[in-house]
C-alpha atoms as a PDB file:
ATOM      1  CA  MET A   1     -19.541  10.571  -6.404  1.00  0.00           C
ATOM      2  CA  ASN A   2     -17.762  13.713  -5.241  1.00  0.00           C
ATOM      3  CA  GLU A   3     -14.523  12.085  -4.140  1.00  0.00           C
ATOM      4  CA  THR A   4     -11.281  13.425  -5.608  1.00  0.00           C
ATOM      5  CA  LEU A   5      -7.730  12.151  -5.757  1.00  0.00           C
ATOM      6  CA  PRO A   6      -5.122  14.211  -3.893  1.00  0.00           C
ATOM      7  CA  GLU A   7      -2.466  16.061  -5.858  1.00  0.00           C
ATOM      8  CA  LYS A   8       0.705  14.104  -6.530  1.00  0.00           C
ATOM      9  CA  GLN A   9       3.578  14.921  -4.262  1.00  0.00           C
ATOM     10  CA  LYS A  10       6.204  16.815  -6.205  1.00  0.00           C
ATOM     11  CA  SER A  11       9.306  15.322  -4.628  1.00  0.00           C
ATOM     12  CA  SER A  12      10.833  12.756  -6.965  1.00  0.00           C
ATOM     13  CA  ASN A  13      12.916  11.105  -4.257  1.00  0.00           C
ATOM     14  CA  ILE A  14      10.260  10.744  -1.556  1.00  0.00           C
ATOM     15  CA  HIS A  15      10.490   6.939  -1.480  1.00  0.00           C
ATOM     16  CA  SER A  16      14.241   7.034  -0.928  1.00  0.00           C
ATOM     17  CA  ILE A  17      13.977   9.254   2.161  1.00  0.00           C
ATOM     18  CA  ARG A  18      10.988   7.576   3.817  1.00  0.00           C
ATOM     19  CA  ARG A  19      11.735   4.768   6.234  1.00  0.00           C
ATOM     20  CA  LEU A  20       9.910   2.558   8.680  1.00  0.00           C
ATOM     21  CA  PRO A  21      10.815   3.504  12.277  1.00  0.00           C
ATOM     22  CA  GLU A  22      13.952   1.752  13.478  1.00  0.00           C
ATOM     23  CA  SER A  23      12.104   0.276  16.453  1.00  0.00           C
ATOM     24  CA  TRP A  24       9.667  -1.426  14.073  1.00  0.00           C
ATOM     25  CA  ILE A  25      12.466  -2.965  12.022  1.00  0.00           C
ATOM     26  CA  GLU A  26      14.172  -4.223  15.166  1.00  0.00           C
ATOM     27  CA  ARG A  27      10.902  -5.794  16.271  1.00  0.00           C
ATOM     28  CA  ILE A  28      10.397  -7.477  12.891  1.00  0.00           C
ATOM     29  CA  PHE A  29      13.906  -8.920  12.870  1.00  0.00           C
ATOM     30  CA  GLN A  30      13.605 -10.060  16.494  1.00  0.00           C
ATOM     31  CA  ARG A  31      10.342 -11.880  15.821  1.00  0.00           C
ATOM     32  CA  LEU A  32      11.593 -13.557  12.662  1.00  0.00           C
ATOM     33  CA  HIS A  33      14.854 -14.521  14.358  1.00  0.00           C
ATOM     34  CA  GLY A  34      12.831 -15.954  17.230  1.00  0.00           C
ATOM     35  CA  ARG A  35      10.850 -18.128  14.832  1.00  0.00           C
ATOM     36  CA  PHE A  36      13.618 -19.211  12.454  1.00  0.00           C
ATOM     37  CA  GLY A  37      16.755 -18.853  14.554  1.00  0.00           C
ATOM     38  CA  ASN A  38      20.092 -17.978  12.978  1.00  0.00           C
ATOM     39  CA  SER A  39      18.892 -19.215   9.586  1.00  0.00           C
ATOM     40  CA  PHE A  40      17.046 -15.905   9.258  1.00  0.00           C
ATOM     41  CA  PHE A  41      20.100 -13.746   9.948  1.00  0.00           C
ATOM     42  CA  SER A  42      22.305 -16.008   7.837  1.00  0.00           C
ATOM     43  CA  LYS A  43      20.344 -14.871   4.756  1.00  0.00           C
ATOM     44  CA  PHE A  44      22.013 -11.481   5.127  1.00  0.00           C
ATOM     45  CA  ALA A  45      25.228 -12.063   7.066  1.00  0.00           C
ATOM     46  CA  THR A  46      28.540 -11.299   5.313  1.00  0.00           C
ATOM     47  CA  GLY A  47      30.937 -12.063   8.155  1.00  0.00           C
ATOM     48  CA  GLU A  48      32.152  -8.480   8.296  1.00  0.00           C
ATOM     49  CA  LYS A  49      31.380  -6.736  11.594  1.00  0.00           C
ATOM     50  CA  ASP A  50      31.164  -3.113  12.665  1.00  0.00           C
ATOM     51  CA  GLN A  51      32.823  -1.769  15.815  1.00  0.00           C
ATOM     52  CA  SER A  52      29.889  -3.028  17.889  1.00  0.00           C
ATOM     53  CA  GLY A  53      30.259  -6.534  16.521  1.00  0.00           C
ATOM     54  CA  VAL A  54      27.087  -6.386  14.403  1.00  0.00           C
ATOM     55  CA  ASP A  55      27.275  -8.017  10.985  1.00  0.00           C
ATOM     56  CA  LEU A  56      27.365  -5.397   8.220  1.00  0.00           C
ATOM     57  CA  GLY A  57      25.132  -7.503   6.002  1.00  0.00           C
ATOM     58  CA  VAL A  58      22.426  -7.612   8.660  1.00  0.00           C
ATOM     59  CA  LEU A  59      22.704  -3.853   9.153  1.00  0.00           C
ATOM     60  CA  ASN A  60      22.334  -3.308   5.425  1.00  0.00           C
ATOM     61  CA  ALA A  61      19.324  -5.638   5.320  1.00  0.00           C
ATOM     62  CA  LYS A  62      17.609  -3.656   8.090  1.00  0.00           C
ATOM     63  CA  LYS A  63      18.234  -0.437   6.169  1.00  0.00           C
ATOM     64  CA  ILE A  64      16.751  -1.857   2.967  1.00  0.00           C
ATOM     65  CA  TRP A  65      13.753  -3.351   4.769  1.00  0.00           C
ATOM     66  CA  SER A  66      13.064  -0.008   6.478  1.00  0.00           C
ATOM     67  CA  GLU A  67      12.985   1.724   3.088  1.00  0.00           C
ATOM     68  CA  GLU A  68      10.900  -0.921   1.330  1.00  0.00           C
ATOM     69  CA  LEU A  69       8.358  -1.056   4.171  1.00  0.00           C
ATOM     70  CA  ALA A  70       8.034   2.720   4.430  1.00  0.00           C
ATOM     71  CA  GLY A  71       4.367   3.675   4.729  1.00  0.00           C
ATOM     72  CA  TYR A  72       3.190   0.253   5.883  1.00  0.00           C
ATOM     73  CA  THR A  73       0.788   0.424   8.830  1.00  0.00           C
ATOM     74  CA  SER A  74       1.141  -1.405  12.137  1.00  0.00           C
ATOM     75  CA  GLU A  75      -1.829  -3.585  11.096  1.00  0.00           C
ATOM     76  CA  GLU A  76      -0.073  -4.583   7.874  1.00  0.00           C
ATOM     77  CA  ILE A  77       3.187  -5.342   9.667  1.00  0.00           C
ATOM     78  CA  SER A  78       1.265  -7.416  12.194  1.00  0.00           C
ATOM     79  CA  ARG A  79      -0.354  -9.356   9.330  1.00  0.00           C
ATOM     80  CA  GLY A  80       3.074 -10.103   7.921  1.00  0.00           C
ATOM     81  CA  LEU A  81       4.415 -11.309  11.270  1.00  0.00           C
ATOM     82  CA  LYS A  82       1.425 -13.611  11.735  1.00  0.00           C
ATOM     83  CA  THR A  83       1.976 -15.268   8.353  1.00  0.00           C
ATOM     84  CA  ARG A  84       3.139 -18.885   8.578  1.00  0.00           C
ATOM     85  CA  PHE A  85       6.192 -18.899   6.304  1.00  0.00           C
ATOM     86  CA  ASP A  86       7.664 -22.234   5.251  1.00  0.00           C
ATOM     87  CA  PHE A  87      11.137 -20.682   5.129  1.00  0.00           C
ATOM     88  CA  PRO A  88      12.743 -17.509   6.494  1.00  0.00           C
ATOM     89  CA  PRO A  89      11.263 -14.748   4.309  1.00  0.00           C
ATOM     90  CA  ASP A  90      13.219 -12.214   2.319  1.00  0.00           C
ATOM     91  CA  CYS A  91      11.954  -8.651   2.118  1.00  0.00           C
ATOM     92  CA  ASP A  92       9.787  -9.216  -0.965  1.00  0.00           C
ATOM     93  CA  LYS A  93       7.990 -12.224   0.551  1.00  0.00           C
ATOM     94  CA  PHE A  94       7.399 -10.334   3.778  1.00  0.00           C
ATOM     95  CA  MET A  95       5.943  -7.359   1.881  1.00  0.00           C
ATOM     96  CA  ILE A  96       3.525  -9.664   0.039  1.00  0.00           C
ATOM     97  CA  ALA A  97       2.493 -11.189   3.371  1.00  0.00           C
ATOM     98  CA  CYS A  98       1.811  -7.703   4.750  1.00  0.00           C
ATOM     99  CA  ARG A  99      -0.185  -6.677   1.672  1.00  0.00           C
ATOM    100  CA  PRO A 100      -1.538  -9.788  -0.020  1.00  0.00           C
ATOM    101  CA  SER A 101      -2.789  -9.437  -3.576  1.00  0.00           C
ATOM    102  CA  LEU A 102      -6.363  -8.243  -3.819  1.00  0.00           C
ATOM    103  CA  ASP A 103      -9.032 -10.382  -5.422  1.00  0.00           C
ATOM    104  CA  TYR A 104     -10.282  -8.033  -8.138  1.00  0.00           C
ATOM    105  CA  GLU A 105     -13.874  -9.241  -8.324  1.00  0.00           C
ATOM    106  CA  ARG A 106     -14.350  -9.391  -4.557  1.00  0.00           C
ATOM    107  CA  SER A 107     -12.749  -5.977  -4.104  1.00  0.00           C
ATOM    108  CA  PHE A 108     -15.115  -4.559  -6.772  1.00  0.00           C
ATOM    109  CA  VAL A 109     -18.136  -5.820  -4.846  1.00  0.00           C
ATOM    110  CA  VAL A 110     -16.717  -4.283  -1.672  1.00  0.00           C
ATOM    111  CA  ALA A 111     -16.113  -0.963  -3.435  1.00  0.00           C
ATOM    112  CA  VAL A 112     -19.670  -0.744  -4.800  1.00  0.00           C
ATOM    113  CA  GLU A 113     -21.159  -1.541  -1.405  1.00  0.00           C
ATOM    114  CA  GLN A 114     -18.940   0.804   0.587  1.00  0.00           C
ATOM    115  CA  MET A 115     -19.286   3.713  -1.830  1.00  0.00           C
ATOM    116  CA  ARG A 116     -23.061   3.487  -1.415  1.00  0.00           C
ATOM    117  CA  LYS A 117     -22.694   3.435   2.364  1.00  0.00           C
ATOM    118  CA  ARG A 118     -20.310   6.372   2.156  1.00  0.00           C
ATOM    119  CA  GLN A 119     -23.195   8.642   1.197  1.00  0.00           C
ATOM    120  CA  ASP A 120     -24.390   8.285   4.798  1.00  0.00           C
ATOM    121  CA  GLY A 121     -20.914   8.126   6.329  1.00  0.00           C
ATOM    122  CA  ASP A 122     -21.295   4.428   7.220  1.00  0.00           C
ATOM    123  CA  ASP A 123     -18.510   3.070   4.992  1.00  0.00           C
ATOM    124  CA  LYS A 124     -15.781   0.764   6.329  1.00  0.00           C
ATOM    125  CA  TRP A 125     -12.758  -0.168   4.213  1.00  0.00           C
ATOM    126  CA  ASP A 126     -10.446  -3.112   4.849  1.00  0.00           C
ATOM    127  CA  ASN A 127      -7.930  -1.770   2.344  1.00  0.00           C
ATOM    128  CA  PRO A 128      -7.485   1.906   1.341  1.00  0.00           C
ATOM    129  CA  ALA A 129      -6.387   0.802  -2.153  1.00  0.00           C
ATOM    130  CA  ILE A 130      -9.947  -0.354  -2.863  1.00  0.00           C
ATOM    131  CA  TYR A 131     -11.274   3.083  -1.951  1.00  0.00           C
ATOM    132  CA  TRP A 132      -8.770   4.946  -4.124  1.00  0.00           C
ATOM    133  CA  ALA A 133      -9.456   2.575  -7.038  1.00  0.00           C
ATOM    134  CA  ALA A 134     -13.165   3.345  -6.688  1.00  0.00           C
ATOM    135  CA  VAL A 135     -12.396   7.072  -6.704  1.00  0.00           C
ATOM    136  CA  ARG A 136     -10.350   6.610  -9.863  1.00  0.00           C
ATOM    137  CA  LEU A 137     -13.298   5.002 -11.698  1.00  0.00           C
ATOM    138  CA  GLY A 138     -15.793   7.559 -10.405  1.00  0.00           C
ATOM    139  CA  ASN A 139     -19.465   7.001 -11.229  1.00  0.00           C
ATOM    140  CA  ASP A 140     -18.610   4.177 -13.638  1.00  0.00           C
ATOM    141  CA  ILE A 141     -18.326   1.849 -10.662  1.00  0.00           C
ATOM    142  CA  ASN A 142     -22.078   2.176 -10.157  1.00  0.00           C
ATOM    143  CA  ASN A 143     -23.079   2.411 -13.819  1.00  0.00           C
ATOM    144  CA  TYR A 144     -21.405  -0.729 -15.188  1.00  0.00           C
ATOM    145  CA  PRO A 145     -21.332  -4.383 -14.094  1.00  0.00           C
ATOM    146  CA  TYR A 146     -18.005  -5.927 -13.131  1.00  0.00           C
ATOM    147  CA  GLN A 147     -17.607  -7.892 -16.371  1.00  0.00           C
ATOM    148  CA  SER A 148     -17.850  -4.680 -18.409  1.00  0.00           C
ATOM    149  CA  ILE A 149     -15.072  -2.828 -16.599  1.00  0.00           C
ATOM    150  CA  LYS A 150     -13.038  -5.588 -14.967  1.00  0.00           C
ATOM    151  CA  THR A 151      -9.904  -4.651 -16.927  1.00  0.00           C
ATOM    152  CA  ARG A 152     -10.183  -0.990 -15.921  1.00  0.00           C
ATOM    153  CA  TRP A 153     -10.906  -2.011 -12.341  1.00  0.00           C
ATOM    154  CA  ALA A 154      -7.837  -4.242 -12.146  1.00  0.00           C
ATOM    155  CA  GLU A 155      -5.689  -1.423 -13.533  1.00  0.00           C
ATOM    156  CA  ALA A 156      -7.190   1.031 -11.024  1.00  0.00           C
ATOM    157  CA  VAL A 157      -6.516  -1.316  -8.103  1.00  0.00           C
ATOM    158  CA  ASP A 158      -2.927  -1.987  -9.195  1.00  0.00           C
ATOM    159  CA  ALA A 159      -2.316   1.744  -9.670  1.00  0.00           C
ATOM    160  CA  ALA A 160      -3.779   2.561  -6.259  1.00  0.00           C
ATOM    161  CA  VAL A 161      -1.595  -0.048  -4.555  1.00  0.00           C
ATOM    162  CA  GLN A 162       1.508   1.321  -6.267  1.00  0.00           C
ATOM    163  CA  ASP A 163       0.616   4.953  -5.499  1.00  0.00           C
ATOM    164  CA  ILE A 164       0.132   4.131  -1.818  1.00  0.00           C
ATOM    165  CA  ARG A 165       3.491   2.375  -1.699  1.00  0.00           C
ATOM    166  CA  SER A 166       5.255   5.294  -3.381  1.00  0.00           C
ATOM    167  CA  GLY A 167       3.568   7.889  -1.184  1.00  0.00           C
ATOM    168  CA  LYS A 168       1.521   9.518  -3.948  1.00  0.00           C
ATOM    169  CA  LEU A 169      -1.670   8.465  -2.151  1.00  0.00           C
ATOM    170  CA  PRO A 170      -2.242   8.253   1.622  1.00  0.00           C
ATOM    171  CA  ASN A 171      -2.575   4.799   3.143  1.00  0.00           C
ATOM    172  CA  GLU A 172      -5.920   5.714   4.664  1.00  0.00           C
ATOM    173  CA  VAL A 173      -9.447   6.605   3.626  1.00  0.00           C
ATOM    174  CA  PRO A 174     -10.322  10.272   4.171  1.00  0.00           C
ATOM    175  CA  VAL A 175     -13.230  11.076   6.464  1.00  0.00           C
ATOM    176  CA  LYS A 176     -16.499  11.787   4.666  1.00  0.00           C
ATOM    177  CA  LEU A 177     -17.697  15.189   5.813  1.00  0.00           C
ATOM    178  CA  ILE A 178     -21.437  15.324   6.412  1.00  0.00           C
ATOM    179  CA  GLU A 179     -23.161  18.088   4.496  1.00  0.00           C
ATOM    180  CA  LEU A 180     -26.076  19.976   6.044  1.00  0.00           C
ATOM    181  CA  PRO A 181     -29.003  20.754   3.714  1.00  0.00           C
ATOM    182  CA  ALA A 182     -29.233  24.252   2.251  1.00  0.00           C
ATOM    183  CA  PRO A 183     -31.535  26.576   4.251  1.00  0.00           C
ATOM    184  CA  GLY A 184     -35.162  26.355   3.164  1.00  0.00           C
ATOM    185  CA  LYS A 185     -34.635  23.464   0.758  1.00  0.00           C
ATOM    186  CA  ILE A 186     -35.330  20.545   3.084  1.00  0.00           C
ATOM    187  CA  SER A 187     -37.392  20.564   6.228  1.00  0.00           C
ATOM    188  CA  ILE A 188     -35.962  18.444   9.038  1.00  0.00           C
ATOM    189  CA  SER A 189     -36.691  18.215  12.730  1.00  0.00           C
ATOM    190  CA  LYS A 190     -34.713  20.185  15.290  1.00  0.00           C
ATOM    191  CA  GLU A 191     -33.440  16.897  16.718  1.00  0.00           C
ATOM    192  CA  GLU A 192     -32.125  15.729  13.326  1.00  0.00           C
ATOM    193  CA  ALA A 193     -30.515  19.107  12.636  1.00  0.00           C
ATOM    194  CA  ALA A 194     -28.825  19.030  16.047  1.00  0.00           C
ATOM    195  CA  LYS A 195     -27.577  15.484  15.394  1.00  0.00           C
ATOM    196  CA  ARG A 196     -26.090  16.425  12.004  1.00  0.00           C
ATOM    197  CA  LEU A 197     -24.416  19.493  13.442  1.00  0.00           C
ATOM    198  CA  ALA A 198     -22.987  17.412  16.276  1.00  0.00           C
ATOM    199  CA  ASP A 199     -21.608  14.934  13.711  1.00  0.00           C
ATOM    200  CA  VAL A 200     -19.868  17.763  11.873  1.00  0.00           C
ATOM    201  CA  HIS A 201     -18.347  19.110  15.099  1.00  0.00           C
ATOM    202  CA  ARG A 202     -17.201  15.612  16.062  1.00  0.00           C
ATOM    203  CA  ILE A 203     -15.386  15.195  12.733  1.00  0.00           C
ATOM    204  CA  LEU A 204     -13.798  18.639  12.981  1.00  0.00           C
ATOM    205  CA  ASP A 205     -12.687  17.975  16.573  1.00  0.00           C
ATOM    206  CA  LYS A 206     -10.959  14.796  15.455  1.00  0.00           C
ATOM    207  CA  LYS A 207      -9.140  16.694  12.695  1.00  0.00           C
ATOM    208  CA  ILE A 208      -7.983  19.344  15.179  1.00  0.00           C
ATOM    209  CA  ILE A 209      -6.719  16.729  17.623  1.00  0.00           C
ATOM    210  CA  LYS A 210      -4.890  14.788  14.905  1.00  0.00           C
ATOM    211  CA  GLY A 211      -3.475  17.957  13.343  1.00  0.00           C
END
């Protein structure tokens, strides 16, 4: 397994300066207000208003939510909004709904399967934390059964989740670059060589467009 963890970001205050876009926060609060009415806003209201007539407590809540949800994807936010809450959620409950706790044993099975598929570039990950946990364990994920390393696996998953939330790890799985065989070592057809080269160009084109 030739995957490597990215270097830690050096800024010690990165979490404090990262925020979810304001439009996203407004959408979240609108949806939750639409479902729960004023009982949602009343969780935060102080009665003090700014010059525009907006409650200062609600404004502060939006600020805190934007910081706590920094780095969450649109898919995760959508998952949180689709959750059927019994009561108007606070920020912590909404975050859990966006990123529910991972089942360690199931996630281990997923990691083993997807890491094998990754050799051919066919891997698909529901949660980037599972990928980064697999990277952390390296070849041990294939060399030991779950019962032998379940404690290490749980620690790796928890660490990956925390590192994604803090910004130390990206909330995505990096593209697996396809390696062409060394000249003269493996004989392949012209069609297969052309296909592999096209795959490499396709990946590079995507990186250029995104960059």
